[in-house]
C-alpha atoms as a PDB file:
ATOM      1  CA  MET A   1     -12.662-102.077 -80.024  1.00  0.00           C
ATOM      2  CA  GLY A   2     -10.426-104.796 -81.417  1.00  0.00           C
ATOM      3  CA  ARG A   3     -10.546-103.190 -84.859  1.00  0.00           C
ATOM      4  CA  PHE A   4      -9.394 -99.822 -83.484  1.00  0.00           C
ATOM      5  CA  ALA A   5      -6.624-101.510 -81.514  1.00  0.00           C
ATOM      6  CA  HIS A   6      -5.493-103.314 -84.657  1.00  0.00           C
ATOM      7  CA  LEU A   7      -5.423-100.020 -86.602  1.00  0.00           C
ATOM      8  CA  HIS A   8      -3.501 -98.340 -83.775  1.00  0.00           C
ATOM      9  CA  PHE A   9      -0.847-101.059 -83.700  1.00  0.00           C
ATOM     10  CA  SER A  10      -0.626-100.997 -87.495  1.00  0.00           C
ATOM     11  CA  ARG A  11       0.069 -97.266 -87.448  1.00  0.00           C
ATOM     12  CA  VAL A  12       2.610 -97.644 -84.662  1.00  0.00           C
ATOM     13  CA  GLY A  13       4.337-100.420 -86.581  1.00  0.00           C
ATOM     14  CA  PHE A  14       4.363 -98.403 -89.801  1.00  0.00           C
ATOM     15  CA  THR A  15       5.751 -95.354 -87.975  1.00  0.00           C
ATOM     16  CA  ALA A  16       8.453 -97.432 -86.308  1.00  0.00           C
ATOM     17  CA  LEU A  17       9.417 -99.042 -89.632  1.00  0.00           C
ATOM     18  CA  THR A  18       9.558 -95.644 -91.339  1.00  0.00           C
ATOM     19  CA  ALA A  19      11.704 -94.225 -88.536  1.00  0.00           C
ATOM     20  CA  LEU A  20      14.061 -97.200 -88.782  1.00  0.00           C
ATOM     21  CA  ILE A  21      14.451 -96.820 -92.549  1.00  0.00           C
ATOM     22  CA  GLY A  22      15.013 -93.066 -92.130  1.00  0.00           C
ATOM     23  CA  ALA A  23      17.679 -93.687 -89.482  1.00  0.00           C
ATOM     24  CA  ILE A  24      19.480 -96.138 -91.759  1.00  0.00           C
ATOM     25  CA  PHE A  25      19.615 -93.575 -94.554  1.00  0.00           C
ATOM     26  CA  ALA A  26      20.633 -90.816 -92.116  1.00  0.00           C
ATOM     27  CA  LEU A  27      23.634 -92.681 -90.688  1.00  0.00           C
ATOM     28  CA  PRO A  28      25.982 -91.909 -93.628  1.00  0.00           C
ATOM     29  CA  LEU A  29      24.971 -88.239 -93.465  1.00  0.00           C
ATOM     30  CA  VAL A  30      25.710 -88.105 -89.732  1.00  0.00           C
ATOM     31  CA  TRP A  31      29.133 -89.645 -90.350  1.00  0.00           C
ATOM     32  CA  PHE A  32      29.705 -87.226 -93.238  1.00  0.00           C
ATOM     33  CA  LEU A  33      29.079 -84.255 -90.932  1.00  0.00           C
ATOM     34  CA  PHE A  34      31.235 -85.425 -88.017  1.00  0.00           C
ATOM     35  CA  ALA A  35      34.108 -87.316 -89.656  1.00  0.00           C
ATOM     36  CA  PRO A  36      35.928 -84.230 -91.034  1.00  0.00           C
ATOM     37  CA  PHE A  37      36.358 -82.943 -87.478  1.00  0.00           C
ATOM     38  CA  ASN A  38      37.779 -86.225 -86.177  1.00  0.00           C
ATOM     39  CA  PRO A  39      41.598 -86.298 -86.070  1.00  0.00           C
ATOM     40  CA  ARG A  40      41.554 -90.107 -86.282  1.00  0.00           C
ATOM     41  CA  ALA A  41      40.390 -92.242 -89.195  1.00  0.00           C
ATOM     42  CA  GLU A  42      37.348 -93.748 -87.544  1.00  0.00           C
ATOM     43  CA  LEU A  43      34.161 -94.981 -89.145  1.00  0.00           C
ATOM     44  CA  GLY A  44      32.102 -94.642 -85.982  1.00  0.00           C
ATOM     45  CA  LEU A  45      29.280 -92.142 -85.483  1.00  0.00           C
ATOM     46  CA  ALA A  46      30.545 -90.746 -82.184  1.00  0.00           C
ATOM     47  CA  ILE A  47      30.848 -86.977 -81.884  1.00  0.00           C
ATOM     48  CA  PRO A  48      34.564 -86.057 -82.074  1.00  0.00           C
ATOM     49  CA  ARG A  49      35.982 -84.875 -78.765  1.00  0.00           C
ATOM     50  CA  PRO A  50      37.504 -82.452 -79.052  1.00  0.00           C
ATOM     51  CA  PHE A  51      36.540 -81.045 -82.448  1.00  0.00           C
ATOM     52  CA  SER A  52      39.614 -80.665 -84.598  1.00  0.00           C
ATOM     53  CA  PHE A  53      40.182 -78.620 -87.774  1.00  0.00           C
ATOM     54  CA  SER A  54      43.511 -80.273 -88.523  1.00  0.00           C
ATOM     55  CA  ASN A  55      42.039 -82.254 -91.424  1.00  0.00           C
ATOM     56  CA  PHE A  56      40.883 -79.056 -93.104  1.00  0.00           C
ATOM     57  CA  GLY A  57      44.307 -77.497 -92.541  1.00  0.00           C
ATOM     58  CA  THR A  58      45.972 -80.408 -94.324  1.00  0.00           C
ATOM     59  CA  VAL A  59      43.467 -80.269 -97.187  1.00  0.00           C
ATOM     60  CA  LEU A  60      43.914 -76.507 -97.642  1.00  0.00           C
ATOM     61  CA  GLU A  61      47.656 -77.047 -97.960  1.00  0.00           C
ATOM     62  CA  ASN A  62      47.035 -79.281-100.981  1.00  0.00           C
ATOM     63  CA  ASP A  63      47.292 -76.794-103.851  1.00  0.00           C
ATOM     64  CA  PHE A  64      46.128 -79.367-106.405  1.00  0.00           C
ATOM     65  CA  ALA A  65      42.886 -80.070-104.519  1.00  0.00           C
ATOM     66  CA  ILE A  66      42.100 -76.396-103.861  1.00  0.00           C
ATOM     67  CA  ARG A  67      42.796 -75.427-107.476  1.00  0.00           C
ATOM     68  CA  ALA A  68      40.488 -78.263-108.534  1.00  0.00           C
ATOM     69  CA  LEU A  69      37.581 -76.636-106.677  1.00  0.00           C
ATOM     70  CA  LEU A  70      38.126 -73.474-108.720  1.00  0.00           C
ATOM     71  CA  ASN A  71      38.299 -75.548-111.916  1.00  0.00           C
ATOM     72  CA  SER A  72      34.998 -77.208-111.033  1.00  0.00           C
ATOM     73  CA  LEU A  73      33.454 -73.788-110.517  1.00  0.00           C
ATOM     74  CA  ILE A  74      34.738 -72.538-113.893  1.00  0.00           C
ATOM     75  CA  GLN A  75      33.455 -75.590-115.756  1.00  0.00           C
ATOM     76  CA  SER A  76      30.112 -75.690-113.936  1.00  0.00           C
ATOM     77  CA  VAL A  77      29.334 -71.990-114.339  1.00  0.00           C
ATOM     78  CA  GLY A  78      30.431 -72.041-117.985  1.00  0.00           C
ATOM     79  CA  GLY A  79      28.279 -75.072-118.735  1.00  0.00           C
ATOM     80  CA  VAL A  80      25.295 -73.646-116.876  1.00  0.00           C
ATOM     81  CA  VAL A  81      25.466 -70.349-118.792  1.00  0.00           C
ATOM     82  CA  CYS A  82      25.588 -72.180-122.139  1.00  0.00           C
ATOM     83  CA  VAL A  83      22.778 -74.567-121.241  1.00  0.00           C
ATOM     84  CA  ALA A  84      20.458 -71.945-119.741  1.00  0.00           C
ATOM     85  CA  PHE A  85      20.950 -69.454-122.582  1.00  0.00           C
ATOM     86  CA  ALA A  86      20.608 -71.947-125.434  1.00  0.00           C
ATOM     87  CA  ALA A  87      17.782 -73.945-123.843  1.00  0.00           C
ATOM     88  CA  THR A  88      15.709 -70.833-123.129  1.00  0.00           C
ATOM     89  CA  LEU A  89      15.890 -69.573-126.708  1.00  0.00           C
ATOM     90  CA  ALA A  90      15.516 -73.003-128.323  1.00  0.00           C
ATOM     91  CA  SER A  91      12.591 -74.109-126.163  1.00  0.00           C
ATOM     92  CA  TYR A  92      10.794 -70.796-126.754  1.00  0.00           C
ATOM     93  CA  ALA A  93      11.283 -71.153-130.513  1.00  0.00           C
ATOM     94  CA  LEU A  94       9.985 -74.727-130.453  1.00  0.00           C
ATOM     95  CA  SER A  95       6.993 -73.809-128.315  1.00  0.00           C
ATOM     96  CA  ARG A  96       5.908 -70.834-130.403  1.00  0.00           C
ATOM     97  CA  SER A  97       6.762 -72.166-133.873  1.00  0.00           C
ATOM     98  CA  SER A  98       4.406 -74.054-136.158  1.00  0.00           C
ATOM     99  CA  LEU A  99       7.098 -76.552-137.122  1.00  0.00           C
ATOM    100  CA  PRO A 100       5.535 -79.930-138.033  1.00  0.00           C
ATOM    101  CA  GLY A 101       6.652 -82.712-135.740  1.00  0.00           C
ATOM    102  CA  LYS A 102       8.313 -80.404-133.227  1.00  0.00           C
ATOM    103  CA  GLY A 103       7.189 -82.692-130.401  1.00  0.00           C
ATOM    104  CA  ALA A 104       8.956 -85.625-132.037  1.00  0.00           C
ATOM    105  CA  VAL A 105      12.085 -83.495-132.455  1.00  0.00           C
ATOM    106  CA  THR A 106      12.124 -82.757-128.737  1.00  0.00           C
ATOM    107  CA  TYR A 107      11.736 -86.407-127.766  1.00  0.00           C
ATOM    108  CA  VAL A 108      14.418 -87.556-130.234  1.00  0.00           C
ATOM    109  CA  LEU A 109      16.842 -84.996-128.847  1.00  0.00           C
ATOM    110  CA  LEU A 110      15.977 -86.112-125.335  1.00  0.00           C
ATOM    111  CA  LEU A 111      16.591 -89.740-126.279  1.00  0.00           C
ATOM    112  CA  PHE A 112      19.996 -89.052-127.796  1.00  0.00           C
ATOM    113  CA  SER A 113      21.046 -86.765-124.947  1.00  0.00           C
ATOM    114  CA  SER A 114      21.313 -89.819-122.718  1.00  0.00           C
ATOM    115  CA  VAL A 115      24.021 -91.101-125.045  1.00  0.00           C
ATOM    116  CA  VAL A 116      25.958 -87.897-125.726  1.00  0.00           C
ATOM    117  CA  SER A 117      27.379 -87.540-122.244  1.00  0.00           C
ATOM    118  CA  GLY A 118      27.574 -91.257-121.526  1.00  0.00           C
ATOM    119  CA  SER A 119      30.519 -93.611-121.725  1.00  0.00           C
ATOM    120  CA  ALA A 120      29.254 -95.104-125.013  1.00  0.00           C
ATOM    121  CA  ALA A 121      29.882 -91.818-126.830  1.00  0.00           C
ATOM    122  CA  MET A 122      33.194 -90.850-125.246  1.00  0.00           C
ATOM    123  CA  VAL A 123      35.359 -92.204-128.084  1.00  0.00           C
ATOM    124  CA  PRO A 124      33.685 -90.145-130.871  1.00  0.00           C
ATOM    125  CA  ILE A 125      33.462 -87.147-128.515  1.00  0.00           C
ATOM    126  CA  PHE A 126      37.163 -87.407-127.756  1.00  0.00           C
ATOM    127  CA  LEU A 127      38.000 -87.630-131.464  1.00  0.00           C
ATOM    128  CA  MET A 128      35.823 -84.610-132.281  1.00  0.00           C
ATOM    129  CA  ILE A 129      37.330 -82.513-129.494  1.00  0.00           C
ATOM    130  CA  SER A 130      40.822 -83.588-130.540  1.00  0.00           C
ATOM    131  CA  ARG A 131      40.081 -82.702-134.177  1.00  0.00           C
ATOM    132  CA  VAL A 132      39.165 -79.112-133.262  1.00  0.00           C
ATOM    133  CA  GLY A 133      42.163 -78.777-130.951  1.00  0.00           C
ATOM    134  CA  LEU A 134      40.341 -78.350-127.651  1.00  0.00           C
ATOM    135  CA  ILE A 135      41.805 -81.294-125.733  1.00  0.00           C
ATOM    136  CA  ASP A 136      42.989 -80.242-122.271  1.00  0.00           C
ATOM    137  CA  THR A 137      40.892 -77.068-122.180  1.00  0.00           C
ATOM    138  CA  HIS A 138      37.993 -75.930-120.025  1.00  0.00           C
ATOM    139  CA  LEU A 139      36.067 -75.131-123.198  1.00  0.00           C
ATOM    140  CA  ALA A 140      36.075 -78.796-124.203  1.00  0.00           C
ATOM    141  CA  VAL A 141      34.452 -79.830-120.924  1.00  0.00           C
ATOM    142  CA  ILE A 142      31.962 -76.955-121.054  1.00  0.00           C
ATOM    143  CA  PHE A 143      30.869 -77.653-124.639  1.00  0.00           C
ATOM    144  CA  VAL A 144      30.473 -81.402-124.120  1.00  0.00           C
ATOM    145  CA  PHE A 145      28.391 -80.893-120.985  1.00  0.00           C
ATOM    146  CA  ALA A 146      26.308 -78.223-122.710  1.00  0.00           C
ATOM    147  CA  GLY A 147      25.619 -80.529-125.658  1.00  0.00           C
ATOM    148  CA  GLY A 148      24.650 -83.411-123.409  1.00  0.00           C
ATOM    149  CA  LEU A 149      22.392 -81.454-121.057  1.00  0.00           C
ATOM    150  CA  LEU A 150      20.757 -79.137-123.600  1.00  0.00           C
ATOM    151  CA  PRO A 151      17.989 -81.478-124.877  1.00  0.00           C
ATOM    152  CA  THR A 152      16.746 -82.289-121.379  1.00  0.00           C
ATOM    153  CA  ALA A 153      16.902 -78.608-120.432  1.00  0.00           C
ATOM    154  CA  MET A 154      14.829 -77.781-123.514  1.00  0.00           C
ATOM    155  CA  PHE A 155      12.300 -80.452-122.550  1.00  0.00           C
ATOM    156  CA  ILE A 156      11.975 -78.982-119.033  1.00  0.00           C
ATOM    157  CA  LEU A 157      11.656 -75.390-120.195  1.00  0.00           C
ATOM    158  CA  ARG A 158       9.219 -76.141-122.976  1.00  0.00           C
ATOM    159  CA  ASP A 159       6.640 -77.256-120.413  1.00  0.00           C
ATOM    160  CA  PHE A 160       6.985 -73.900-118.664  1.00  0.00           C
ATOM    161  CA  ILE A 161       6.668 -71.962-121.929  1.00  0.00           C
ATOM    162  CA  ASP A 162       3.700 -73.992-123.173  1.00  0.00           C
ATOM    163  CA  GLY A 163       1.877 -72.900-120.034  1.00  0.00           C
ATOM    164  CA  ILE A 164       2.124 -69.221-121.036  1.00  0.00           C
ATOM    165  CA  PRO A 165      -0.860 -68.079-123.143  1.00  0.00           C
ATOM    166  CA  ARG A 166       0.201 -66.663-126.486  1.00  0.00           C
ATOM    167  CA  SER A 167      -2.097 -63.731-125.795  1.00  0.00           C
ATOM    168  CA  TYR A 168       0.515 -62.321-123.405  1.00  0.00           C
ATOM    169  CA  GLU A 169       3.050 -61.743-126.174  1.00  0.00           C
ATOM    170  CA  GLU A 170       0.353 -60.818-128.692  1.00  0.00           C
ATOM    171  CA  SER A 171      -0.951 -58.095-126.375  1.00  0.00           C
ATOM    172  CA  ALA A 172       2.561 -56.712-125.960  1.00  0.00           C
ATOM    173  CA  MET A 173       3.116 -56.642-129.725  1.00  0.00           C
ATOM    174  CA  VAL A 174      -0.246 -54.956-130.275  1.00  0.00           C
ATOM    175  CA  ALA A 175       0.970 -52.283-127.843  1.00  0.00           C
ATOM    176  CA  GLY A 176       4.017 -51.735-130.055  1.00  0.00           C
ATOM    177  CA  ALA A 177       6.593 -54.176-128.705  1.00  0.00           C
ATOM    178  CA  SER A 178       8.787 -56.122-131.086  1.00  0.00           C
ATOM    179  CA  PRO A 179       8.902 -59.950-130.871  1.00  0.00           C
ATOM    180  CA  THR A 180      12.274 -59.669-129.098  1.00  0.00           C
ATOM    181  CA  GLN A 181      10.870 -57.198-126.577  1.00  0.00           C
ATOM    182  CA  ALA A 182       7.822 -59.412-126.040  1.00  0.00           C
ATOM    183  CA  PHE A 183      10.121 -62.329-125.232  1.00  0.00           C
ATOM    184  CA  PHE A 184      12.421 -60.494-122.815  1.00  0.00           C
ATOM    185  CA  ASP A 185       9.776 -58.280-121.174  1.00  0.00           C
ATOM    186  CA  VAL A 186       6.802 -60.667-121.067  1.00  0.00           C
ATOM    187  CA  ALA A 187       7.747 -64.323-121.505  1.00  0.00           C
ATOM    188  CA  LEU A 188      11.138 -64.453-119.804  1.00  0.00           C
ATOM    189  CA  PRO A 189       9.991 -63.108-116.407  1.00  0.00           C
ATOM    190  CA  VAL A 190       7.195 -65.696-116.362  1.00  0.00           C
ATOM    191  CA  ILE A 191       9.469 -68.659-117.167  1.00  0.00           C
ATOM    192  CA  ARG A 192      12.231 -67.512-114.830  1.00  0.00           C
ATOM    193  CA  PRO A 193      11.427 -70.270-112.266  1.00  0.00           C
ATOM    194  CA  GLY A 194      11.916 -72.832-115.031  1.00  0.00           C
ATOM    195  CA  VAL A 195      15.252 -71.287-115.975  1.00  0.00           C
ATOM    196  CA  VAL A 196      16.313 -71.488-112.327  1.00  0.00           C
ATOM    197  CA  VAL A 197      15.342 -75.166-112.225  1.00  0.00           C
ATOM    198  CA  VAL A 198      17.537 -75.792-115.268  1.00  0.00           C
ATOM    199  CA  VAL A 199      20.413 -73.820-113.741  1.00  0.00           C
ATOM    200  CA  VAL A 200      20.376 -75.821-110.507  1.00  0.00           C
ATOM    201  CA  TRP A 201      19.942 -79.137-112.314  1.00  0.00           C
ATOM    202  CA  ALA A 202      22.757 -78.423-114.797  1.00  0.00           C
ATOM    203  CA  PHE A 203      25.115 -77.151-112.083  1.00  0.00           C
ATOM    204  CA  VAL A 204      24.658 -80.272-109.962  1.00  0.00           C
ATOM    205  CA  ASN A 205      25.207 -82.555-112.971  1.00  0.00           C
ATOM    206  CA  ILE A 206      28.396 -80.804-114.087  1.00  0.00           C
ATOM    207  CA  TRP A 207      29.767 -80.298-110.582  1.00  0.00           C
ATOM    208  CA  GLY A 208      29.579 -83.982-109.745  1.00  0.00           C
ATOM    209  CA  SER A 209      30.691 -85.441-113.085  1.00  0.00           C
ATOM    210  CA  PHE A 210      33.918 -87.432-113.269  1.00  0.00           C
ATOM    211  CA  LEU A 211      34.183 -89.215-116.627  1.00  0.00           C
ATOM    212  CA  ILE A 212      34.108 -86.303-119.101  1.00  0.00           C
ATOM    213  CA  PRO A 213      36.792 -84.097-117.497  1.00  0.00           C
ATOM    214  CA  PHE A 214      38.907 -87.143-116.690  1.00  0.00           C
ATOM    215  CA  ILE A 215      39.026 -88.114-120.382  1.00  0.00           C
ATOM    216  CA  LEU A 216      39.228 -84.668-121.991  1.00  0.00           C
ATOM    217  CA  LEU A 217      41.747 -83.038-119.645  1.00  0.00           C
ATOM    218  CA  ARG A 218      45.437 -83.827-119.368  1.00  0.00           C
ATOM    219  CA  SER A 219      46.947 -81.153-117.123  1.00  0.00           C
ATOM    220  CA  ALA A 220      46.642 -81.512-113.368  1.00  0.00           C
ATOM    221  CA  GLU A 221      46.125 -77.740-113.202  1.00  0.00           C
ATOM    222  CA  LYS A 222      42.792 -78.076-115.055  1.00  0.00           C
ATOM    223  CA  MET A 223      41.336 -81.121-113.284  1.00  0.00           C
ATOM    224  CA  PRO A 224      38.051 -80.542-111.375  1.00  0.00           C
ATOM    225  CA  ALA A 225      37.404 -81.559-107.792  1.00  0.00           C
ATOM    226  CA  SER A 226      35.571 -84.729-108.856  1.00  0.00           C
ATOM    227  CA  VAL A 227      38.913 -86.006-110.179  1.00  0.00           C
ATOM    228  CA  ALA A 228      41.154 -84.379-107.568  1.00  0.00           C
ATOM    229  CA  ILE A 229      39.317 -86.138-104.765  1.00  0.00           C
ATOM    230  CA  TYR A 230      41.240 -89.272-105.716  1.00  0.00           C
ATOM    231  CA  SER A 231      44.447 -87.595-104.565  1.00  0.00           C
ATOM    232  CA  PHE A 232      43.318 -88.453-101.043  1.00  0.00           C
ATOM    233  CA  TYR A 233      43.845 -92.143-101.692  1.00  0.00           C
ATOM    234  CA  SER A 234      47.073 -93.934-100.913  1.00  0.00           C
ATOM    235  CA  GLU A 235      49.186 -95.583-103.608  1.00  0.00           C
ATOM    236  CA  ALA A 236      47.547 -98.881-102.678  1.00  0.00           C
ATOM    237  CA  GLY A 237      44.104 -97.421-103.383  1.00  0.00           C
ATOM    238  CA  THR A 238      43.110 -97.095 -99.729  1.00  0.00           C
ATOM    239  CA  PRO A 239      41.235 -93.897 -98.866  1.00  0.00           C
ATOM    240  CA  ILE A 240      42.738 -91.567 -96.280  1.00  0.00           C
ATOM    241  CA  VAL A 241      39.430 -91.277 -94.483  1.00  0.00           C
ATOM    242  CA  THR A 242      40.091 -88.116 -92.476  1.00  0.00           C
ATOM    243  CA  LEU A 243      41.286 -86.039 -95.442  1.00  0.00           C
ATOM    244  CA  LEU A 244      38.741 -87.550 -97.816  1.00  0.00           C
ATOM    245  CA  ALA A 245      35.900 -86.642 -95.441  1.00  0.00           C
ATOM    246  CA  ALA A 246      37.167 -83.070 -95.027  1.00  0.00           C
ATOM    247  CA  TYR A 247      37.554 -82.534 -98.767  1.00  0.00           C
ATOM    248  CA  ALA A 248      34.167 -84.124 -99.504  1.00  0.00           C
ATOM    249  CA  LEU A 249      32.541 -81.663 -97.100  1.00  0.00           C
ATOM    250  CA  LEU A 250      34.246 -78.717 -98.825  1.00  0.00           C
ATOM    251  CA  TYR A 251      33.261 -80.184-102.188  1.00  0.00           C
ATOM    252  CA  SER A 252      29.581 -80.322-101.245  1.00  0.00           C
ATOM    253  CA  ILE A 253      29.357 -76.748 -99.926  1.00  0.00           C
ATOM    254  CA  PRO A 254      28.798 -74.955-103.297  1.00  0.00           C
ATOM    255  CA  VAL A 255      25.846 -77.196-104.187  1.00  0.00           C
ATOM    256  CA  VAL A 256      24.271 -76.718-100.747  1.00  0.00           C
ATOM    257  CA  VAL A 257      24.820 -72.954-100.911  1.00  0.00           C
ATOM    258  CA  LEU A 258      23.248 -72.829-104.376  1.00  0.00           C
ATOM    259  CA  TYR A 259      20.174 -74.729-103.201  1.00  0.00           C
ATOM    260  CA  LEU A 260      19.800 -72.549-100.092  1.00  0.00           C
ATOM    261  CA  PHE A 261      20.120 -69.393-102.191  1.00  0.00           C
ATOM    262  CA  VAL A 262      17.490 -70.603-104.674  1.00  0.00           C
ATOM    263  CA  SER A 263      15.221 -71.674-101.819  1.00  0.00           C
ATOM    264  CA  TRP A 264      15.554 -68.250-100.195  1.00  0.00           C
ATOM    265  CA  LYS A 265      15.230 -66.255-103.404  1.00  0.00           C
ATOM    266  CA  PHE A 266      12.507 -68.190-105.226  1.00  0.00           C
ATOM    267  CA  GLY A 267      10.801 -70.194-102.500  1.00  0.00           C
ATOM    268  CA  PHE A 268      11.547 -73.698-103.835  1.00  0.00           C
ATOM    269  CA  ARG A 269      10.866 -76.589-101.538  1.00  0.00           C
ATOM    270  CA  PHE A 270      11.969 -80.218-101.574  1.00  0.00           C
ATOM    271  CA  PHE A 271       8.713 -81.278-103.251  1.00  0.00           C
ATOM    272  CA  GLY A 272       9.536 -79.016-106.188  1.00  0.00           C
ATOM    273  CA  GLY A 273       6.811 -76.420-105.753  1.00  0.00           C
ATOM    274  CA  ILE A 274       7.133 -72.700-106.132  1.00  0.00           C
ATOM    275  CA  LYS A 275       5.865 -70.280-103.562  1.00  0.00           C
ATOM    276  CA  ALA A 276       3.427 -67.802-104.979  1.00  0.00           C
END
């Protein structure tokens, strides 16, 4: 009896500890959801009474901040298209080729990709972009992000492609399909979940990045939202909490919408599985 009582109290204690830790992590999210509707700059978790949309009205009047959301969308979509297209073709070629040491090539690219988009490589990247005359352009940001994210995207997709038996494409080619047709009609539909994973992952990385656009762009008209969010700080560096909270909520909406769309369309769940 004592043993069962000890186990019961242990479970109760573990559950209480888990609930406490979860509540601690949930507090910033609760504030994030309620603060934009609070007309006063408060850090409390109380529900605003009454709800006010004045903060959003002020944010929407800021042309620089609203234009920055569109710039973020342009750069993110452009980078995602480049990464998904190039990674799909490159990973398929690596998976199906008989190139010696192709596994080592993938891991070397993956290793260097952590440097390409990092602060350590920004000086040579800036000089290269300046040399080709792309400073202060969306293309510069898109190409740098694509180059930095491509190796990891290839690594992710190659696992999906390696799981496809070669007999699928061979059967299609025996039936008269060309290698290109076998790829688009047989392989691509099977690896589509992997492509979607890469799309979501690349979009989130580009959407939330600050350093690369901040260094490569000069015009305020081309700055993304990750940079424009600092316009809601005072000259002394103090955040204007009400406006910052409202803009942060608007800034997070595209990523949430993308995840919800992917979850609805492809059945992804938080644990990363795919619904059959």
